[in-house]
PDB file of N, CA and C in Angstrom:
ATOM      1  N   MET A   1       5.409  94.418 102.423  1.00  0.00           N
ATOM      2  CA  MET A   1       5.488  93.357 101.453  1.00  0.00           C
ATOM      3  C   MET A   1       4.128  93.249 100.789  1.00  0.00           C
ATOM      4  N   SER A   2       4.129  93.060  99.524  1.00  0.00           N
ATOM      5  CA  SER A   2       2.900  92.880  98.774  1.00  0.00           C
ATOM      6  C   SER A   2       2.462  91.421  98.891  1.00  0.00           C
ATOM      7  N   VAL A   3       1.377  91.195  99.614  1.00  0.00           N
ATOM      8  CA  VAL A   3       0.886  89.837  99.806  1.00  0.00           C
ATOM      9  C   VAL A   3      -0.599  89.776  99.499  1.00  0.00           C
ATOM     10  N   ARG A   4      -1.060  88.595  99.276  1.00  0.00           N
ATOM     11  CA  ARG A   4      -2.487  88.371  99.087  1.00  0.00           C
ATOM     12  C   ARG A   4      -2.830  87.038  99.743  1.00  0.00           C
ATOM     13  N   ARG A   5      -4.082  86.796  99.942  1.00  0.00           N
ATOM     14  CA  ARG A   5      -4.547  85.537 100.528  1.00  0.00           C
ATOM     15  C   ARG A   5      -5.192  84.707  99.428  1.00  0.00           C
ATOM     16  N   GLU A   6      -4.824  83.444  99.358  1.00  0.00           N
ATOM     17  CA  GLU A   6      -5.391  82.539  98.369  1.00  0.00           C
ATOM     18  C   GLU A   6      -5.902  81.285  99.070  1.00  0.00           C
ATOM     19  N   TRP A   7      -6.961  80.714  98.528  1.00  0.00           N
ATOM     20  CA  TRP A   7      -7.496  79.473  99.040  1.00  0.00           C
ATOM     21  C   TRP A   7      -6.588  78.319  98.628  1.00  0.00           C
ATOM     22  N   ARG A   8      -6.254  77.469  99.566  1.00  0.00           N
ATOM     23  CA  ARG A   8      -5.435  76.291  99.272  1.00  0.00           C
ATOM     24  C   ARG A   8      -6.260  75.055  99.588  1.00  0.00           C
ATOM     25  N   ASP A   9      -6.554  74.292  98.558  1.00  0.00           N
ATOM     26  CA  ASP A   9      -7.304  73.049  98.713  1.00  0.00           C
ATOM     27  C   ASP A   9      -6.329  71.986  99.193  1.00  0.00           C
ATOM     28  N   SER A  10      -6.612  71.378 100.325  1.00  0.00           N
ATOM     29  CA  SER A  10      -5.682  70.390 100.865  1.00  0.00           C
ATOM     30  C   SER A  10      -6.161  68.956 100.650  1.00  0.00           C
ATOM     31  N   GLY A  11      -6.838  68.736  99.564  1.00  0.00           N
ATOM     32  CA  GLY A  11      -7.255  67.375  99.229  1.00  0.00           C
ATOM     33  C   GLY A  11      -8.552  66.978  99.903  1.00  0.00           C
ATOM     34  N   SER A  12      -8.541  65.863 100.612  1.00  0.00           N
ATOM     35  CA  SER A  12      -9.765  65.350 101.219  1.00  0.00           C
ATOM     36  C   SER A  12     -10.171  66.124 102.471  1.00  0.00           C
ATOM     37  N   ALA A  13      -9.239  66.794 103.119  1.00  0.00           N
ATOM     38  CA  ALA A  13      -9.562  67.593 104.303  1.00  0.00           C
ATOM     39  C   ALA A  13     -10.028  68.980 103.867  1.00  0.00           C
ATOM     40  N   SER A  14     -10.525  69.737 104.820  1.00  0.00           N
ATOM     41  CA  SER A  14     -10.940  71.098 104.473  1.00  0.00           C
ATOM     42  C   SER A  14      -9.714  71.940 104.158  1.00  0.00           C
ATOM     43  N   GLY A  15      -9.852  72.867 103.245  1.00  0.00           N
ATOM     44  CA  GLY A  15      -8.739  73.716 102.843  1.00  0.00           C
ATOM     45  C   GLY A  15      -8.545  74.870 103.809  1.00  0.00           C
ATOM     46  N   HIS A  16      -7.690  75.792 103.440  1.00  0.00           N
ATOM     47  CA  HIS A  16      -7.424  76.965 104.273  1.00  0.00           C
ATOM     48  C   HIS A  16      -6.905  78.111 103.407  1.00  0.00           C
ATOM     49  N   MET A  17      -6.929  79.301 103.979  1.00  0.00           N
ATOM     50  CA  MET A  17      -6.374  80.468 103.297  1.00  0.00           C
ATOM     51  C   MET A  17      -4.870  80.497 103.556  1.00  0.00           C
ATOM     52  N   GLN A  18      -4.117  80.819 102.523  1.00  0.00           N
ATOM     53  CA  GLN A  18      -2.663  80.867 102.606  1.00  0.00           C
ATOM     54  C   GLN A  18      -2.192  82.237 102.168  1.00  0.00           C
ATOM     55  N   THR A  19      -1.240  82.808 102.891  1.00  0.00           N
ATOM     56  CA  THR A  19      -0.652  84.081 102.506  1.00  0.00           C
ATOM     57  C   THR A  19       0.371  83.831 101.413  1.00  0.00           C
ATOM     58  N   VAL A  20       0.282  84.603 100.327  1.00  0.00           N
ATOM     59  CA  VAL A  20       1.164  84.426  99.177  1.00  0.00           C
ATOM     60  C   VAL A  20       1.792  85.773  98.840  1.00  0.00           C
ATOM     61  N   ALA A  21       3.112  85.803  98.741  1.00  0.00           N
ATOM     62  CA  ALA A  21       3.806  87.029  98.361  1.00  0.00           C
ATOM     63  C   ALA A  21       3.698  87.227  96.858  1.00  0.00           C
ATOM     64  N   ALA A  22       3.622  88.479  96.446  1.00  0.00           N
ATOM     65  CA  ALA A  22       3.634  88.784  95.017  1.00  0.00           C
ATOM     66  C   ALA A  22       4.957  88.299  94.433  1.00  0.00           C
ATOM     67  N   SER A  23       4.977  87.924  93.178  1.00  0.00           N
ATOM     68  CA  SER A  23       6.169  87.320  92.592  1.00  0.00           C
ATOM     69  C   SER A  23       7.388  88.243  92.644  1.00  0.00           C
ATOM     70  N   GLY A  24       7.188  89.547  92.438  1.00  0.00           N
ATOM     71  CA  GLY A  24       8.320  90.480  92.506  1.00  0.00           C
ATOM     72  C   GLY A  24       8.920  90.536  93.897  1.00  0.00           C
ATOM     73  N   THR A  25       8.060  90.540  94.912  1.00  0.00           N
ATOM     74  CA  THR A  25       8.528  90.548  96.298  1.00  0.00           C
ATOM     75  C   THR A  25       9.273  89.256  96.601  1.00  0.00           C
ATOM     76  N   TYR A  26       8.692  88.146  96.200  1.00  0.00           N
ATOM     77  CA  TYR A  26       9.323  86.851  96.436  1.00  0.00           C
ATOM     78  C   TYR A  26      10.693  86.791  95.770  1.00  0.00           C
ATOM     79  N   ASN A  27      10.796  87.254  94.539  1.00  0.00           N
ATOM     80  CA  ASN A  27      12.071  87.215  93.824  1.00  0.00           C
ATOM     81  C   ASN A  27      13.124  88.066  94.524  1.00  0.00           C
ATOM     82  N   ARG A  28      12.739  89.260  95.000  1.00  0.00           N
ATOM     83  CA  ARG A  28      13.696  90.105  95.732  1.00  0.00           C
ATOM     84  C   ARG A  28      14.155  89.415  97.007  1.00  0.00           C
ATOM     85  N   MET A  29      13.215  88.813  97.734  1.00  0.00           N
ATOM     86  CA  MET A  29      13.564  88.112  98.969  1.00  0.00           C
ATOM     87  C   MET A  29      14.492  86.936  98.689  1.00  0.00           C
ATOM     88  N   GLN A  30      14.155  86.155  97.679  1.00  0.00           N
ATOM     89  CA  GLN A  30      14.941  84.980  97.338  1.00  0.00           C
ATOM     90  C   GLN A  30      16.356  85.371  96.905  1.00  0.00           C
ATOM     91  N   THR A  31      16.474  86.397  96.084  1.00  0.00           N
ATOM     92  CA  THR A  31      17.783  86.855  95.614  1.00  0.00           C
ATOM     93  C   THR A  31      18.632  87.365  96.772  1.00  0.00           C
ATOM     94  N   ALA A  32      18.037  88.158  97.657  1.00  0.00           N
ATOM     95  CA  ALA A  32      18.774  88.701  98.806  1.00  0.00           C
ATOM     96  C   ALA A  32      19.198  87.590  99.761  1.00  0.00           C
ATOM     97  N   TYR A  33      18.324  86.636 100.018  1.00  0.00           N
ATOM     98  CA  TYR A  33      18.665  85.539 100.922  1.00  0.00           C
ATOM     99  C   TYR A  33      19.769  84.676 100.330  1.00  0.00           C
ATOM    100  N   ARG A  34      19.690  84.399  99.038  1.00  0.00           N
ATOM    101  CA  ARG A  34      20.719  83.598  98.371  1.00  0.00           C
ATOM    102  C   ARG A  34      22.073  84.297  98.455  1.00  0.00           C
ATOM    103  N   ALA A  35      22.099  85.627  98.285  1.00  0.00           N
ATOM    104  CA  ALA A  35      23.356  86.378  98.387  1.00  0.00           C
ATOM    105  C   ALA A  35      23.934  86.249  99.797  1.00  0.00           C
ATOM    106  N   TYR A  36      23.067  86.331 100.804  1.00  0.00           N
ATOM    107  CA  TYR A  36      23.516  86.187 102.193  1.00  0.00           C
ATOM    108  C   TYR A  36      24.088  84.785 102.435  1.00  0.00           C
ATOM    109  N   ILE A  37      23.360  83.754 102.039  1.00  0.00           N
ATOM    110  CA  ILE A  37      23.809  82.375 102.265  1.00  0.00           C
ATOM    111  C   ILE A  37      25.097  82.081 101.507  1.00  0.00           C
ATOM    112  N   ASP A  38      25.171  82.501 100.251  1.00  0.00           N
ATOM    113  CA  ASP A  38      26.386  82.272  99.468  1.00  0.00           C
ATOM    114  C   ASP A  38      27.583  82.919 100.142  1.00  0.00           C
ATOM    115  N   HIS A  39      27.402  84.143 100.629  1.00  0.00           N
ATOM    116  CA  HIS A  39      28.498  84.839 101.294  1.00  0.00           C
ATOM    117  C   HIS A  39      28.878  84.131 102.597  1.00  0.00           C
ATOM    118  N   ALA A  40      27.892  83.856 103.429  1.00  0.00           N
ATOM    119  CA  ALA A  40      28.151  83.307 104.763  1.00  0.00           C
ATOM    120  C   ALA A  40      28.838  81.942 104.712  1.00  0.00           C
ATOM    121  N   THR A  41      28.583  81.173 103.682  1.00  0.00           N
ATOM    122  CA  THR A  41      29.183  79.837 103.619  1.00  0.00           C
ATOM    123  C   THR A  41      30.579  79.819 103.000  1.00  0.00           C
ATOM    124  N   THR A  42      30.998  80.935 102.394  1.00  0.00           N
ATOM    125  CA  THR A  42      32.327  80.964 101.779  1.00  0.00           C
ATOM    126  C   THR A  42      33.271  81.978 102.420  1.00  0.00           C
ATOM    127  N   CYS A  43      32.765  82.851 103.269  1.00  0.00           N
ATOM    128  CA  CYS A  43      33.573  83.914 103.869  1.00  0.00           C
ATOM    129  C   CYS A  43      34.325  83.398 105.098  1.00  0.00           C
ATOM    130  N   ASP A  44      35.633  83.643 105.122  1.00  0.00           N
ATOM    131  CA  ASP A  44      36.434  83.241 106.286  1.00  0.00           C
ATOM    132  C   ASP A  44      36.004  83.991 107.534  1.00  0.00           C
ATOM    133  N   GLY A  45      35.577  85.240 107.375  1.00  0.00           N
ATOM    134  CA  GLY A  45      35.147  86.042 108.520  1.00  0.00           C
ATOM    135  C   GLY A  45      33.823  85.597 109.108  1.00  0.00           C
ATOM    136  N   CYS A  46      33.062  84.832 108.350  1.00  0.00           N
ATOM    137  CA  CYS A  46      31.770  84.343 108.837  1.00  0.00           C
ATOM    138  C   CYS A  46      31.881  82.947 109.447  1.00  0.00           C
ATOM    139  N   GLY A  47      33.009  82.318 109.285  1.00  0.00           N
ATOM    140  CA  GLY A  47      33.203  81.009 109.894  1.00  0.00           C
ATOM    141  C   GLY A  47      32.184  79.971 109.465  1.00  0.00           C
ATOM    142  N   GLY A  48      31.825  79.962 108.199  1.00  0.00           N
ATOM    143  CA  GLY A  48      30.870  78.976 107.710  1.00  0.00           C
ATOM    144  C   GLY A  48      29.472  79.171 108.256  1.00  0.00           C
ATOM    145  N   GLY A  49      29.128  80.400 108.609  1.00  0.00           N
ATOM    146  CA  GLY A  49      27.782  80.695 109.096  1.00  0.00           C
ATOM    147  C   GLY A  49      27.658  80.724 110.614  1.00  0.00           C
ATOM    148  N   GLU A  50      28.746  80.470 111.331  1.00  0.00           N
ATOM    149  CA  GLU A  50      28.707  80.466 112.795  1.00  0.00           C
ATOM    150  C   GLU A  50      28.724  81.880 113.377  1.00  0.00           C
ATOM    151  N   ARG A  51      29.237  82.836 112.636  1.00  0.00           N
ATOM    152  CA  ARG A  51      29.230  84.256 113.042  1.00  0.00           C
ATOM    153  C   ARG A  51      29.073  85.075 111.770  1.00  0.00           C
ATOM    154  N   ARG A  52      28.935  86.400 111.909  1.00  0.00           N
ATOM    155  CA  ARG A  52      28.737  87.237 110.716  1.00  0.00           C
ATOM    156  C   ARG A  52      29.753  88.375 110.687  1.00  0.00           C
ATOM    157  N   CYS A  53      30.322  88.595 109.520  1.00  0.00           N
ATOM    158  CA  CYS A  53      31.203  89.738 109.308  1.00  0.00           C
ATOM    159  C   CYS A  53      30.339  90.947 108.939  1.00  0.00           C
ATOM    160  N   ALA A  54      30.965  92.094 108.737  1.00  0.00           N
ATOM    161  CA  ALA A  54      30.229  93.324 108.413  1.00  0.00           C
ATOM    162  C   ALA A  54      29.473  93.190 107.093  1.00  0.00           C
ATOM    163  N   GLU A  55      30.082  92.547 106.108  1.00  0.00           N
ATOM    164  CA  GLU A  55      29.397  92.374 104.819  1.00  0.00           C
ATOM    165  C   GLU A  55      28.165  91.474 104.969  1.00  0.00           C
ATOM    166  N   ALA A  56      28.300  90.423 105.758  1.00  0.00           N
ATOM    167  CA  ALA A  56      27.157  89.531 106.001  1.00  0.00           C
ATOM    168  C   ALA A  56      26.043  90.273 106.730  1.00  0.00           C
ATOM    169  N   ASP A  57      26.409  91.126 107.676  1.00  0.00           N
ATOM    170  CA  ASP A  57      25.394  91.942 108.374  1.00  0.00           C
ATOM    171  C   ASP A  57      24.626  92.804 107.378  1.00  0.00           C
ATOM    172  N   GLN A  58      25.347  93.413 106.439  1.00  0.00           N
ATOM    173  CA  GLN A  58      24.685  94.249 105.433  1.00  0.00           C
ATOM    174  C   GLN A  58      23.793  93.414 104.525  1.00  0.00           C
ATOM    175  N   LEU A  59      24.261  92.251 104.115  1.00  0.00           N
ATOM    176  CA  LEU A  59      23.447  91.365 103.277  1.00  0.00           C
ATOM    177  C   LEU A  59      22.188  90.918 104.019  1.00  0.00           C
ATOM    178  N   TRP A  60      22.321  90.655 105.315  1.00  0.00           N
ATOM    179  CA  TRP A  60      21.159  90.261 106.113  1.00  0.00           C
ATOM    180  C   TRP A  60      20.150  91.413 106.204  1.00  0.00           C
ATOM    181  N   ARG A  61      20.653  92.635 106.406  1.00  0.00           N
ATOM    182  CA  ARG A  61      19.752  93.801 106.455  1.00  0.00           C
ATOM    183  C   ARG A  61      19.047  93.991 105.115  1.00  0.00           C
ATOM    184  N   THR A  62      19.753  93.750 104.024  1.00  0.00           N
ATOM    185  CA  THR A  62      19.140  93.848 102.698  1.00  0.00           C
ATOM    186  C   THR A  62      18.022  92.820 102.551  1.00  0.00           C
ATOM    187  N   TYR A  63      18.277  91.613 103.011  1.00  0.00           N
ATOM    188  CA  TYR A  63      17.244  90.570 102.969  1.00  0.00           C
ATOM    189  C   TYR A  63      16.033  90.983 103.803  1.00  0.00           C
ATOM    190  N   ARG A  64      16.267  91.457 105.020  1.00  0.00           N
ATOM    191  CA  ARG A  64      15.159  91.872 105.899  1.00  0.00           C
ATOM    192  C   ARG A  64      14.359  93.012 105.261  1.00  0.00           C
ATOM    193  N   ALA A  65      15.051  93.934 104.606  1.00  0.00           N
ATOM    194  CA  ALA A  65      14.367  95.046 103.942  1.00  0.00           C
ATOM    195  C   ALA A  65      13.515  94.560 102.770  1.00  0.00           C
ATOM    196  N   ALA A  66      13.976  93.520 102.083  1.00  0.00           N
ATOM    197  CA  ALA A  66      13.225  92.972 100.950  1.00  0.00           C
ATOM    198  C   ALA A  66      11.925  92.337 101.400  1.00  0.00           C
ATOM    199  N   ARG A  67      11.869  91.941 102.663  1.00  0.00           N
ATOM    200  CA  ARG A  67      10.660  91.299 103.198  1.00  0.00           C
ATOM    201  C   ARG A  67       9.557  92.299 103.529  1.00  0.00           C
ATOM    202  N   THR A  68       9.890  93.587 103.590  1.00  0.00           N
ATOM    203  CA  THR A  68       8.878  94.585 103.968  1.00  0.00           C
ATOM    204  C   THR A  68       8.339  95.316 102.776  1.00  0.00           C
TER     205      THR A  68
END
């Protein structure tokens, strides 16, 4: 995953470094996760997210791959 570290000012307390994903990486992750959630909540085979069907497994693997 393409990441960088940025300083985050937390107001009156001391700040800290925060890991930030590049926008393209973030967009791929967000799109893949949304596809997984949309599927899992509407698929009869997924039982509303309580279990996963084969398609949900593939969507989850796609999401995990987008994170690397």
